[in-house]
N, C-alpha and C. Protein backbone atom coordinates (compact mmCIF):
# COMPACT_ATOMS: atom_id res chain seq x y z
N UNK A 1 7.66 -38.35 8.72
CA UNK A 1 8.21 -37.42 9.53
C UNK A 1 9.60 -37.83 10.22
N UNK A 2 10.38 -36.98 9.98
CA UNK A 2 12.04 -37.25 10.35
C UNK A 2 11.98 -37.38 11.88
N UNK A 3 12.85 -37.89 12.52
CA UNK A 3 13.19 -37.78 13.90
C UNK A 3 13.68 -36.54 14.45
N UNK A 4 14.27 -35.61 13.71
CA UNK A 4 14.40 -34.46 14.23
C UNK A 4 13.38 -33.44 14.22
N UNK A 5 12.58 -33.77 13.32
CA UNK A 5 11.27 -32.82 13.22
C UNK A 5 10.23 -33.42 14.44
N UNK A 6 10.30 -34.77 14.77
CA UNK A 6 9.51 -35.15 15.80
C UNK A 6 9.91 -34.41 17.18
N UNK A 7 11.42 -34.40 17.37
CA UNK A 7 11.97 -33.66 18.50
C UNK A 7 11.58 -32.31 18.68
N UNK A 8 11.67 -31.73 17.54
CA UNK A 8 11.49 -30.27 17.30
C UNK A 8 10.12 -29.96 17.87
N UNK A 9 9.08 -30.79 17.33
CA UNK A 9 7.63 -30.84 17.65
C UNK A 9 7.41 -30.84 19.18
N UNK A 10 8.17 -31.85 19.66
CA UNK A 10 7.76 -32.16 21.28
C UNK A 10 8.07 -30.94 21.82
N UNK A 11 9.26 -30.03 21.70
CA UNK A 11 9.82 -28.90 22.24
C UNK A 11 8.84 -27.71 21.89
N UNK A 12 8.44 -27.63 20.63
CA UNK A 12 7.43 -26.67 20.36
C UNK A 12 5.97 -27.03 21.02
N UNK A 13 5.54 -27.98 21.33
CA UNK A 13 4.37 -28.08 22.00
C UNK A 13 4.49 -27.76 23.42
N UNK A 14 5.54 -27.81 24.01
CA UNK A 14 5.67 -27.13 25.35
C UNK A 14 5.40 -25.57 25.38
N UNK A 15 5.78 -24.92 24.29
CA UNK A 15 5.70 -23.60 24.08
C UNK A 15 4.37 -23.27 23.52
N UNK A 16 3.66 -24.09 22.87
CA UNK A 16 2.41 -23.78 22.35
C UNK A 16 1.22 -24.07 23.22
N UNK A 17 1.26 -25.44 23.99
CA UNK A 17 0.39 -26.03 24.70
C UNK A 17 0.67 -26.10 26.01
N UNK A 18 1.70 -25.57 26.56
CA UNK A 18 2.29 -25.86 27.91
C UNK A 18 1.37 -25.27 28.92
N UNK A 19 0.75 -23.88 28.45
CA UNK A 19 -0.13 -22.93 29.49
C UNK A 19 -1.58 -22.99 29.10
N UNK A 20 -1.94 -23.92 28.22
CA UNK A 20 -3.25 -24.05 27.95
C UNK A 20 -3.65 -24.84 26.45
N UNK A 21 -4.81 -25.39 26.30
CA UNK A 21 -4.77 -26.24 25.12
C UNK A 21 -4.93 -25.43 23.78
N UNK A 22 -4.56 -26.07 22.82
CA UNK A 22 -4.48 -25.40 21.34
C UNK A 22 -5.68 -25.88 20.70
N UNK A 23 -6.65 -24.90 20.18
CA UNK A 23 -7.98 -25.35 19.48
C UNK A 23 -7.42 -25.29 18.02
N UNK A 24 -7.77 -26.43 17.46
CA UNK A 24 -7.61 -26.82 16.05
C UNK A 24 -8.82 -27.04 15.20
N UNK A 25 -9.00 -26.66 14.19
CA UNK A 25 -10.32 -26.76 13.49
C UNK A 25 -9.96 -27.27 11.88
N UNK A 26 -10.43 -28.00 11.45
CA UNK A 26 -10.25 -28.22 9.94
C UNK A 26 -9.08 -28.85 9.50
N UNK A 27 -8.20 -29.37 10.40
CA UNK A 27 -7.10 -30.22 9.99
C UNK A 27 -7.12 -31.23 9.12
N UNK A 28 -8.29 -31.84 8.81
CA UNK A 28 -8.61 -32.93 8.03
C UNK A 28 -8.49 -32.35 6.46
N UNK A 29 -8.52 -30.93 6.32
CA UNK A 29 -8.20 -30.67 5.07
C UNK A 29 -6.64 -30.76 4.56
N UNK A 30 -5.99 -30.97 5.41
CA UNK A 30 -4.68 -31.21 5.02
C UNK A 30 -4.24 -32.62 4.44
N UNK A 31 -3.96 -32.69 3.18
CA UNK A 31 -3.84 -34.11 2.64
C UNK A 31 -2.69 -34.83 3.29
N UNK A 32 -2.95 -36.18 3.33
CA UNK A 32 -1.71 -37.04 4.26
C UNK A 32 -0.68 -37.27 3.23
N UNK A 33 -0.98 -37.18 1.85
CA UNK A 33 0.26 -37.34 1.16
C UNK A 33 0.16 -36.44 -0.05
N UNK A 34 1.16 -36.22 -0.91
CA UNK A 34 0.94 -35.38 -2.20
C UNK A 34 1.47 -34.15 -1.86
N UNK A 35 1.83 -33.18 -2.87
CA UNK A 35 2.22 -31.80 -2.55
C UNK A 35 1.10 -31.06 -1.95
N UNK A 36 1.38 -30.13 -1.08
CA UNK A 36 0.50 -29.33 -0.50
C UNK A 36 1.05 -27.98 0.10
N UNK A 37 0.41 -26.96 -0.16
CA UNK A 37 0.91 -25.72 0.25
C UNK A 37 -0.19 -24.89 1.35
N UNK A 38 0.29 -24.75 2.63
CA UNK A 38 -0.55 -23.97 3.56
C UNK A 38 0.05 -22.62 3.37
N UNK A 39 -1.01 -21.71 3.33
CA UNK A 39 -0.60 -20.21 3.52
C UNK A 39 -1.59 -19.64 4.92
N UNK A 40 -0.68 -18.85 5.45
CA UNK A 40 -1.18 -18.36 6.62
C UNK A 40 -0.98 -17.00 6.96
N UNK A 41 -1.74 -16.37 7.79
CA UNK A 41 -1.41 -15.12 8.20
C UNK A 41 -0.34 -15.26 9.21
N UNK A 42 0.45 -13.99 9.37
CA UNK A 42 1.79 -14.07 10.06
C UNK A 42 1.81 -12.72 11.05
N UNK A 43 1.17 -12.89 12.38
CA UNK A 43 1.17 -11.69 13.43
C UNK A 43 2.02 -11.80 14.23
N UNK A 44 2.65 -12.81 14.60
CA UNK A 44 3.75 -13.14 15.87
C UNK A 44 4.98 -13.98 15.18
N UNK A 45 6.05 -13.81 15.77
CA UNK A 45 7.07 -14.65 15.52
C UNK A 45 7.04 -16.19 15.97
N UNK A 46 5.85 -16.40 16.45
CA UNK A 46 5.66 -17.86 17.10
C UNK A 46 4.48 -18.65 16.07
N UNK A 47 4.16 -17.94 15.05
CA UNK A 47 3.14 -18.39 14.03
C UNK A 47 3.64 -19.87 13.37
N UNK A 48 4.91 -19.87 13.15
CA UNK A 48 5.29 -21.18 12.62
C UNK A 48 5.34 -22.23 13.46
N UNK A 49 5.62 -21.88 14.55
CA UNK A 49 5.70 -23.12 15.69
C UNK A 49 4.00 -23.53 16.00
N UNK A 50 3.37 -22.68 15.98
CA UNK A 50 1.89 -23.01 16.04
C UNK A 50 1.30 -23.65 14.98
N UNK A 51 1.49 -23.43 13.37
CA UNK A 51 1.25 -24.08 12.69
C UNK A 51 1.66 -25.36 12.56
N UNK A 52 2.93 -25.37 12.85
CA UNK A 52 3.61 -26.82 12.69
C UNK A 52 3.04 -27.95 13.85
N UNK A 53 2.76 -27.35 14.93
CA UNK A 53 1.92 -28.00 16.14
C UNK A 53 0.53 -28.54 15.45
N UNK A 54 -0.21 -27.53 15.03
CA UNK A 54 -1.66 -27.89 14.69
C UNK A 54 -1.66 -28.75 13.55
N UNK A 55 -0.64 -29.06 12.76
CA UNK A 55 -0.62 -29.89 11.53
C UNK A 55 0.03 -31.09 11.81
N UNK A 56 0.39 -31.46 13.01
CA UNK A 56 1.46 -32.36 13.31
C UNK A 56 0.74 -34.03 13.11
N UNK A 57 -0.39 -34.02 13.32
CA UNK A 57 -1.37 -35.42 13.09
C UNK A 57 -1.27 -35.72 11.67
N UNK A 58 -0.95 -34.92 10.75
CA UNK A 58 -1.37 -35.09 9.36
C UNK A 58 0.09 -34.96 8.48
N UNK A 59 0.93 -33.87 8.76
CA UNK A 59 2.13 -33.79 8.07
C UNK A 59 3.20 -33.09 8.53
N UNK A 60 4.69 -33.36 8.24
CA UNK A 60 5.56 -32.51 8.47
C UNK A 60 5.50 -31.27 7.52
N UNK A 61 5.82 -30.15 8.24
CA UNK A 61 5.81 -28.97 7.27
C UNK A 61 6.95 -28.18 7.06
N UNK A 62 7.26 -27.86 5.76
CA UNK A 62 8.75 -27.22 5.52
C UNK A 62 8.08 -25.69 5.18
N UNK A 63 8.57 -24.83 6.26
CA UNK A 63 8.46 -23.55 6.00
C UNK A 63 9.21 -22.66 5.31
N UNK A 64 8.88 -21.92 4.51
CA UNK A 64 9.61 -20.74 3.96
C UNK A 64 10.02 -19.58 5.06
N UNK A 65 11.54 -19.39 5.02
CA UNK A 65 11.72 -18.34 6.24
C UNK A 65 13.19 -17.64 5.64
N UNK A 66 13.10 -16.40 6.36
CA UNK A 66 14.18 -15.56 6.02
C UNK A 66 15.65 -16.14 6.16
N UNK A 67 16.17 -15.96 4.80
CA UNK A 67 17.79 -16.69 4.73
C UNK A 67 18.62 -16.13 5.98
N UNK A 68 18.40 -15.05 6.56
CA UNK A 68 19.11 -14.11 7.54
C UNK A 68 19.25 -15.06 8.74
N UNK A 69 17.91 -16.01 9.06
CA UNK A 69 17.96 -16.79 10.12
C UNK A 69 19.11 -17.81 9.82
N UNK A 70 19.65 -18.33 8.85
CA UNK A 70 20.71 -19.24 8.68
C UNK A 70 21.85 -18.68 9.14
N UNK A 71 22.04 -17.18 9.24
CA UNK A 71 23.28 -16.67 9.50
C UNK A 71 23.40 -16.64 11.23
N UNK A 72 22.58 -17.26 11.78
CA UNK A 72 22.66 -17.00 13.46
C UNK A 72 22.92 -18.54 13.87
N UNK A 73 24.27 -19.16 13.96
CA UNK A 73 24.73 -20.35 14.54
C UNK A 73 24.27 -20.33 15.94
N UNK A 74 23.55 -21.87 16.33
CA UNK A 74 23.67 -22.73 15.51
C UNK A 74 22.12 -22.92 15.01
N UNK A 75 21.37 -22.05 14.99
CA UNK A 75 20.09 -21.74 14.37
C UNK A 75 20.02 -22.45 12.93
N UNK A 76 20.98 -21.86 12.20
CA UNK A 76 21.03 -22.38 10.62
C UNK A 76 20.97 -23.76 10.69
N UNK A 77 22.01 -24.36 11.45
CA UNK A 77 22.01 -25.91 11.38
C UNK A 77 20.83 -26.57 11.80
N UNK A 78 20.24 -26.17 12.74
CA UNK A 78 18.90 -26.72 13.29
C UNK A 78 17.65 -26.57 12.15
N UNK A 79 17.75 -25.53 11.54
CA UNK A 79 16.67 -25.21 10.40
C UNK A 79 17.05 -26.01 9.31
N UNK A 80 18.31 -26.49 8.96
CA UNK A 80 18.58 -27.44 8.02
C UNK A 80 18.32 -28.92 8.26
N UNK A 81 18.49 -29.29 9.45
CA UNK A 81 18.03 -30.45 9.81
C UNK A 81 16.50 -30.68 10.08
N UNK A 82 15.98 -29.65 9.97
CA UNK A 82 14.49 -29.68 9.91
C UNK A 82 13.67 -29.42 8.51
N UNK A 83 14.75 -29.43 7.59
CA UNK A 83 14.44 -29.22 6.07
C UNK A 83 13.51 -27.94 5.82
N UNK A 84 13.82 -26.81 6.47
CA UNK A 84 13.23 -25.53 6.12
C UNK A 84 13.78 -25.14 5.07
N UNK A 85 13.10 -24.11 4.50
CA UNK A 85 13.68 -23.59 3.11
C UNK A 85 14.10 -22.03 3.50
N UNK A 86 15.20 -21.62 3.06
CA UNK A 86 15.50 -20.35 3.02
C UNK A 86 15.06 -19.30 1.83
N UNK A 87 14.75 -18.21 2.08
CA UNK A 87 14.32 -17.37 0.99
C UNK A 87 14.95 -15.92 1.02
N UNK A 88 15.36 -15.49 0.28
CA UNK A 88 15.92 -14.22 -0.01
C UNK A 88 15.30 -13.06 -0.76
N UNK A 89 14.47 -12.14 -0.30
CA UNK A 89 14.02 -11.03 -1.06
C UNK A 89 15.03 -10.35 -2.04
N UNK A 90 14.39 -9.87 -2.86
CA UNK A 90 15.27 -9.02 -3.91
C UNK A 90 16.24 -9.99 -4.72
N UNK A 91 16.47 -11.19 -4.75
CA UNK A 91 17.37 -12.05 -5.35
C UNK A 91 16.36 -12.89 -6.61
N UNK A 92 17.06 -13.00 -7.72
CA UNK A 92 16.15 -13.82 -8.71
C UNK A 92 15.68 -15.14 -8.19
N UNK A 93 14.27 -15.27 -8.27
CA UNK A 93 13.75 -16.57 -7.58
C UNK A 93 13.66 -16.51 -6.19
N UNK A 94 14.58 -16.02 -5.48
CA UNK A 94 14.37 -15.69 -4.11
C UNK A 94 14.34 -16.94 -3.23
N UNK A 95 15.05 -17.83 -3.89
CA UNK A 95 14.72 -19.35 -2.94
C UNK A 95 13.60 -20.07 -3.15
N UNK A 96 13.12 -19.66 -4.19
CA UNK A 96 11.44 -20.50 -4.41
C UNK A 96 11.75 -21.75 -5.18
N UNK A 97 12.86 -21.86 -5.69
CA UNK A 97 13.17 -23.22 -6.58
C UNK A 97 13.52 -24.30 -5.75
N UNK A 98 13.70 -23.94 -4.27
CA UNK A 98 13.86 -25.09 -3.40
C UNK A 98 12.42 -25.37 -2.90
N UNK A 99 11.54 -24.55 -2.86
CA UNK A 99 10.26 -24.51 -2.44
C UNK A 99 9.67 -25.62 -3.60
N UNK A 100 9.83 -25.20 -4.82
CA UNK A 100 9.18 -25.85 -5.86
C UNK A 100 9.87 -27.42 -5.79
N UNK A 101 10.95 -27.55 -5.59
CA UNK A 101 11.41 -28.79 -5.40
C UNK A 101 10.76 -29.70 -4.61
N UNK A 102 10.58 -29.14 -3.45
CA UNK A 102 10.02 -29.54 -2.26
C UNK A 102 8.48 -30.19 -2.62
N UNK A 103 7.89 -29.31 -3.27
CA UNK A 103 6.31 -29.53 -3.71
C UNK A 103 6.32 -30.62 -4.71
N UNK A 104 7.37 -30.64 -5.63
CA UNK A 104 7.28 -31.82 -6.61
C UNK A 104 7.57 -33.06 -6.04
N UNK A 105 8.26 -32.88 -4.91
CA UNK A 105 8.74 -34.23 -4.18
C UNK A 105 7.58 -34.76 -3.27
N UNK A 106 6.48 -33.94 -3.32
CA UNK A 106 5.32 -34.67 -2.55
C UNK A 106 5.42 -33.88 -1.01
N UNK A 107 6.07 -32.68 -0.78
CA UNK A 107 6.09 -32.39 0.56
C UNK A 107 5.08 -31.38 0.70
N UNK A 108 4.79 -31.20 2.14
CA UNK A 108 3.91 -29.94 2.52
C UNK A 108 4.69 -28.91 2.71
N UNK A 109 4.52 -27.74 2.40
CA UNK A 109 5.35 -26.35 2.55
C UNK A 109 4.16 -25.30 3.03
N UNK A 110 4.77 -24.34 3.93
CA UNK A 110 3.92 -23.30 4.36
C UNK A 110 4.60 -22.01 3.84
N UNK A 111 3.59 -21.02 3.48
CA UNK A 111 4.37 -19.82 3.15
C UNK A 111 3.41 -18.64 4.02
N UNK A 112 3.98 -17.80 4.49
CA UNK A 112 3.17 -16.47 4.89
C UNK A 112 3.18 -15.28 3.66
N UNK A 113 2.15 -15.39 3.06
CA UNK A 113 2.15 -14.82 1.75
C UNK A 113 2.37 -13.05 1.97
N UNK A 114 2.23 -12.61 3.21
CA UNK A 114 2.16 -11.14 3.47
C UNK A 114 3.78 -11.00 3.67
N UNK A 115 4.53 -11.86 3.62
CA UNK A 115 5.96 -11.74 3.77
C UNK A 115 6.80 -11.32 4.82
N UNK A 116 6.05 -10.61 5.93
CA UNK A 116 6.58 -10.16 6.93
C UNK A 116 5.55 -10.03 8.08
N UNK A 117 5.80 -10.07 9.42
CA UNK A 117 4.99 -9.59 10.40
C UNK A 117 4.09 -8.33 10.24
N UNK A 118 2.42 -8.62 10.28
CA UNK A 118 1.82 -7.80 10.08
C UNK A 118 1.84 -6.53 11.10
N UNK A 119 2.08 -6.72 12.34
CA UNK A 119 2.25 -5.44 13.32
C UNK A 119 1.04 -4.32 13.04
N UNK A 120 0.07 -5.26 13.14
CA UNK A 120 -1.46 -4.45 13.04
C UNK A 120 -1.88 -3.72 11.70
N UNK A 121 -0.88 -3.95 10.65
CA UNK A 121 -0.98 -3.51 9.46
C UNK A 121 -1.94 -4.46 8.36
N UNK A 122 -2.44 -4.06 7.57
CA UNK A 122 -3.03 -5.13 6.19
C UNK A 122 -2.02 -4.59 5.10
N UNK A 123 -1.47 -6.00 4.90
CA UNK A 123 -0.22 -6.04 4.04
C UNK A 123 -0.79 -6.52 2.76
N UNK A 124 0.22 -6.15 1.67
CA UNK A 124 -0.23 -6.62 0.38
C UNK A 124 0.29 -8.15 0.20
N UNK A 125 -0.42 -8.90 -0.39
CA UNK A 125 -0.07 -10.43 -0.63
C UNK A 125 0.84 -10.63 -1.72
N UNK A 126 1.95 -10.94 -1.35
CA UNK A 126 3.20 -11.47 -2.41
C UNK A 126 2.85 -12.43 -3.31
N UNK A 127 3.75 -12.45 -4.39
CA UNK A 127 3.25 -13.29 -5.43
C UNK A 127 3.88 -14.80 -5.25
N UNK A 128 4.75 -15.00 -4.45
CA UNK A 128 5.45 -16.23 -4.17
C UNK A 128 4.74 -17.53 -4.23
N UNK A 129 3.51 -17.37 -3.23
CA UNK A 129 2.65 -18.68 -3.11
C UNK A 129 2.05 -18.96 -4.70
N UNK A 130 1.56 -17.82 -5.19
CA UNK A 130 1.17 -18.23 -6.59
C UNK A 130 2.07 -18.58 -7.64
N UNK A 131 3.12 -18.23 -7.62
CA UNK A 131 4.37 -18.93 -8.39
C UNK A 131 4.48 -20.18 -8.14
N UNK A 132 4.35 -20.53 -6.75
CA UNK A 132 4.65 -22.19 -6.59
C UNK A 132 3.46 -22.98 -6.94
N UNK A 133 2.29 -22.40 -6.93
CA UNK A 133 1.08 -23.10 -7.52
C UNK A 133 1.18 -23.23 -9.01
N UNK A 134 1.68 -22.20 -9.54
CA UNK A 134 1.80 -22.17 -11.36
C UNK A 134 3.03 -23.35 -11.64
N UNK A 135 3.95 -23.29 -10.86
CA UNK A 135 4.99 -24.25 -11.05
C UNK A 135 4.90 -26.04 -10.86
N UNK A 136 3.73 -26.13 -9.86
CA UNK A 136 3.30 -27.33 -9.44
C UNK A 136 1.78 -27.21 -9.23
N UNK A 137 1.05 -27.42 -10.48
CA UNK A 137 -0.43 -27.05 -10.30
C UNK A 137 -1.06 -28.05 -9.58
N UNK A 138 -0.42 -29.47 -9.41
CA UNK A 138 -1.33 -30.41 -8.77
C UNK A 138 -1.35 -30.17 -7.31
N UNK A 139 -0.65 -29.00 -6.72
CA UNK A 139 -0.43 -28.73 -5.34
C UNK A 139 -1.94 -28.48 -4.60
N UNK A 140 -2.10 -29.07 -3.58
CA UNK A 140 -3.30 -28.87 -2.85
C UNK A 140 -3.28 -27.43 -1.90
N UNK A 141 -4.21 -26.56 -2.18
CA UNK A 141 -4.00 -25.44 -1.48
C UNK A 141 -4.93 -25.22 -0.14
N UNK A 142 -4.00 -24.92 1.07
CA UNK A 142 -4.91 -24.85 2.31
C UNK A 142 -4.63 -23.39 2.96
N UNK A 143 -5.82 -22.85 3.46
CA UNK A 143 -5.62 -21.63 4.30
C UNK A 143 -5.42 -22.15 5.68
N UNK A 144 -4.85 -21.06 6.49
CA UNK A 144 -4.49 -21.36 7.75
C UNK A 144 -4.57 -19.98 8.59
N UNK A 145 -5.49 -19.99 9.40
CA UNK A 145 -5.72 -18.64 10.35
C UNK A 145 -5.56 -19.04 11.78
N UNK A 146 -4.35 -18.12 12.11
CA UNK A 146 -3.95 -18.31 13.66
C UNK A 146 -4.44 -17.06 14.30
N UNK A 147 -5.06 -17.32 15.35
CA UNK A 147 -5.28 -16.35 16.48
C UNK A 147 -4.74 -16.69 17.92
N UNK A 148 -4.58 -15.46 18.43
CA UNK A 148 -4.08 -15.86 19.92
C UNK A 148 -2.58 -16.08 20.21
N UNK A 149 -1.91 -16.44 19.26
CA UNK A 149 -0.41 -16.63 19.44
C UNK A 149 0.56 -15.73 20.17
N UNK A 150 -0.10 -14.28 20.13
CA UNK A 150 0.85 -13.27 20.62
C UNK A 150 0.99 -13.29 22.22
N UNK A 151 -0.17 -14.25 22.97
CA UNK A 151 -0.38 -14.31 24.07
C UNK A 151 0.57 -15.44 24.78
N UNK A 152 1.33 -16.20 23.81
CA UNK A 152 2.14 -17.36 24.14
C UNK A 152 3.33 -16.48 24.75
N UNK A 153 3.92 -15.23 24.47
CA UNK A 153 4.96 -14.49 24.92
C UNK A 153 4.68 -13.88 26.34
N UNK A 154 3.44 -13.96 26.49
CA UNK A 154 3.21 -12.96 27.93
C UNK A 154 2.69 -14.14 28.99
N UNK A 155 3.26 -13.63 30.24
CA UNK A 155 2.87 -14.63 31.35
C UNK A 155 1.91 -13.87 32.15
N UNK A 156 1.17 -12.70 31.81
CA UNK A 156 0.00 -12.04 32.40
C UNK A 156 -1.27 -12.61 31.86
N UNK A 157 -1.29 -13.45 30.77
CA UNK A 157 -2.67 -13.89 30.19
C UNK A 157 -2.54 -15.52 29.90
N UNK A 158 -3.45 -16.17 30.29
CA UNK A 158 -3.59 -17.63 29.66
C UNK A 158 -4.12 -17.53 28.27
N UNK A 159 -3.06 -18.16 27.52
CA UNK A 159 -3.14 -18.15 25.93
C UNK A 159 -4.40 -18.92 25.74
N UNK A 160 -5.15 -18.13 24.67
CA UNK A 160 -6.11 -18.96 24.03
C UNK A 160 -5.71 -19.12 22.39
N UNK A 161 -5.14 -19.96 22.00
CA UNK A 161 -4.73 -20.14 20.71
C UNK A 161 -5.45 -20.92 19.98
N UNK A 162 -6.16 -20.41 18.75
CA UNK A 162 -6.86 -21.16 17.81
C UNK A 162 -6.37 -21.20 16.47
N UNK A 163 -6.32 -22.39 15.56
CA UNK A 163 -6.01 -22.53 14.37
C UNK A 163 -7.09 -23.03 13.71
N UNK A 164 -7.41 -22.48 12.47
CA UNK A 164 -8.39 -23.04 11.61
C UNK A 164 -7.74 -23.16 10.14
N UNK A 165 -7.96 -24.55 9.61
CA UNK A 165 -7.55 -24.63 8.43
C UNK A 165 -8.80 -24.59 7.54
N UNK A 166 -8.42 -23.91 6.41
CA UNK A 166 -9.56 -23.72 5.19
C UNK A 166 -9.21 -24.27 4.00
N UNK A 167 -10.17 -25.09 3.56
CA UNK A 167 -9.77 -25.83 2.34
C UNK A 167 -9.82 -24.69 0.96
N UNK A 168 -9.09 -24.89 -0.10
CA UNK A 168 -9.38 -23.88 -1.24
C UNK A 168 -10.60 -24.44 -1.83
N UNK A 169 -11.36 -23.46 -2.10
CA UNK A 169 -12.86 -23.62 -2.90
C UNK A 169 -12.75 -24.27 -3.97
N UNK A 170 -11.73 -24.18 -4.70
CA UNK A 170 -11.87 -24.90 -6.23
C UNK A 170 -11.83 -26.57 -6.16
N UNK A 171 -12.41 -27.22 -6.92
CA UNK A 171 -12.26 -28.45 -6.90
C UNK A 171 -10.97 -28.96 -7.65
N UNK A 172 -10.80 -28.25 -8.58
CA UNK A 172 -9.41 -28.45 -9.44
C UNK A 172 -8.35 -27.56 -9.25
N UNK A 173 -7.05 -28.07 -9.34
CA UNK A 173 -6.00 -27.17 -8.89
C UNK A 173 -5.97 -25.93 -9.59
N UNK A 174 -5.39 -24.88 -8.97
CA UNK A 174 -5.39 -23.71 -9.84
C UNK A 174 -4.48 -23.96 -11.10
N UNK A 175 -4.70 -23.28 -12.34
CA UNK A 175 -3.97 -23.45 -13.33
C UNK A 175 -3.66 -21.96 -13.86
N UNK A 176 -2.28 -21.69 -14.19
CA UNK A 176 -1.86 -20.41 -14.72
C UNK A 176 -1.66 -19.56 -13.53
N UNK A 177 -0.61 -18.50 -13.68
CA UNK A 177 -0.32 -17.56 -12.65
C UNK A 177 -1.44 -16.77 -12.11
N UNK A 178 -2.33 -16.11 -12.94
CA UNK A 178 -3.32 -15.32 -12.67
C UNK A 178 -4.47 -15.96 -12.00
N UNK A 179 -4.61 -17.19 -12.27
CA UNK A 179 -5.79 -17.86 -11.42
C UNK A 179 -4.79 -18.26 -10.15
N UNK A 180 -3.65 -18.46 -10.26
CA UNK A 180 -2.96 -18.67 -8.55
C UNK A 180 -3.12 -17.65 -7.86
N UNK A 181 -2.81 -16.42 -8.27
CA UNK A 181 -2.80 -15.23 -7.75
C UNK A 181 -4.21 -14.88 -6.87
N UNK A 182 -5.11 -15.31 -7.96
CA UNK A 182 -6.46 -14.94 -7.38
C UNK A 182 -7.08 -15.84 -6.06
N UNK A 183 -6.40 -17.15 -6.46
CA UNK A 183 -6.71 -18.27 -5.48
C UNK A 183 -6.00 -17.77 -4.15
N UNK A 184 -4.77 -17.19 -4.00
CA UNK A 184 -4.27 -16.83 -2.74
C UNK A 184 -4.69 -15.73 -2.17
N UNK A 185 -5.10 -14.68 -2.97
CA UNK A 185 -5.59 -13.36 -2.59
C UNK A 185 -7.11 -13.65 -1.94
N UNK A 186 -7.73 -14.68 -2.40
CA UNK A 186 -9.10 -14.88 -2.01
C UNK A 186 -9.03 -15.75 -0.82
N UNK A 187 -8.10 -16.43 -0.82
CA UNK A 187 -7.81 -17.32 0.59
C UNK A 187 -7.53 -16.51 1.89
N UNK A 188 -6.43 -15.69 1.14
CA UNK A 188 -5.96 -14.54 2.31
C UNK A 188 -6.91 -13.85 2.97
N UNK A 189 -8.11 -13.31 2.06
CA UNK A 189 -8.98 -12.75 2.55
C UNK A 189 -9.86 -13.50 3.59
N UNK A 190 -10.09 -14.75 3.20
CA UNK A 190 -10.89 -15.47 4.30
C UNK A 190 -10.23 -15.61 5.44
N UNK A 191 -8.74 -15.92 5.43
CA UNK A 191 -7.97 -16.10 6.62
C UNK A 191 -8.24 -14.98 7.64
N UNK A 192 -7.89 -13.60 6.86
CA UNK A 192 -8.02 -12.34 7.66
C UNK A 192 -9.47 -11.99 8.07
N UNK A 193 -10.38 -12.67 7.50
CA UNK A 193 -11.78 -12.41 7.98
C UNK A 193 -11.75 -13.15 9.57
N UNK A 194 -11.11 -14.04 9.80
CA UNK A 194 -10.93 -14.84 11.03
C UNK A 194 -9.97 -14.43 12.00
N UNK A 195 -8.87 -13.91 11.41
CA UNK A 195 -7.70 -13.37 12.02
C UNK A 195 -7.41 -12.03 11.51
N UNK A 196 -7.93 -10.97 11.99
CA UNK A 196 -7.69 -9.83 11.45
C UNK A 196 -6.29 -9.42 12.31
N UNK A 197 -5.59 -8.30 11.37
CA UNK A 197 -4.00 -8.13 11.64
C UNK A 197 -3.95 -7.67 13.07
N UNK A 198 -2.92 -8.28 13.59
CA UNK A 198 -2.86 -7.86 15.12
C UNK A 198 -1.24 -7.42 15.36
N UNK A 199 -1.04 -6.89 16.42
CA UNK A 199 0.12 -6.34 16.98
C UNK A 199 1.09 -7.53 17.70
């Protein structure tokens, strides 16, 4: 874990845990080494902070984020220091090549397969996560259900934030794009059972 990431985590913990404890279940499903792909629901802008804090005892997490965030100085420079991965919808590859390289190098990557904030809607699961599994089939797949993060931005309620990490049910890594799609879709359904779409 890099020094920059440790410092960012310290700041993130103030936001996530400053007004109440963070409940984390199943973090031991995150492997301590080797390529790992975390997929999570995305209901609030603070989900990445919550997932990073919840996983901190196990791995540094590299998140896929919209390239437009890099156009906001000094945020872009900060994201680069934290080794986050820019993606761009509509472009060939969309930036997934960098995520593939990260997985092949043994890093832990997090993707929000629904692509954007749910805002109370049930969204289609996009194919990017499955493409990553196809490209690096030895990757461990882990689900992550985040609830209560929306209350972090409100001073009216004491946040009750919970994160549940779910292992992929297959003993062997997914092989082939179709199997990867099914794996991601099934795991997202399990995530949404715990964390229904919220505004």
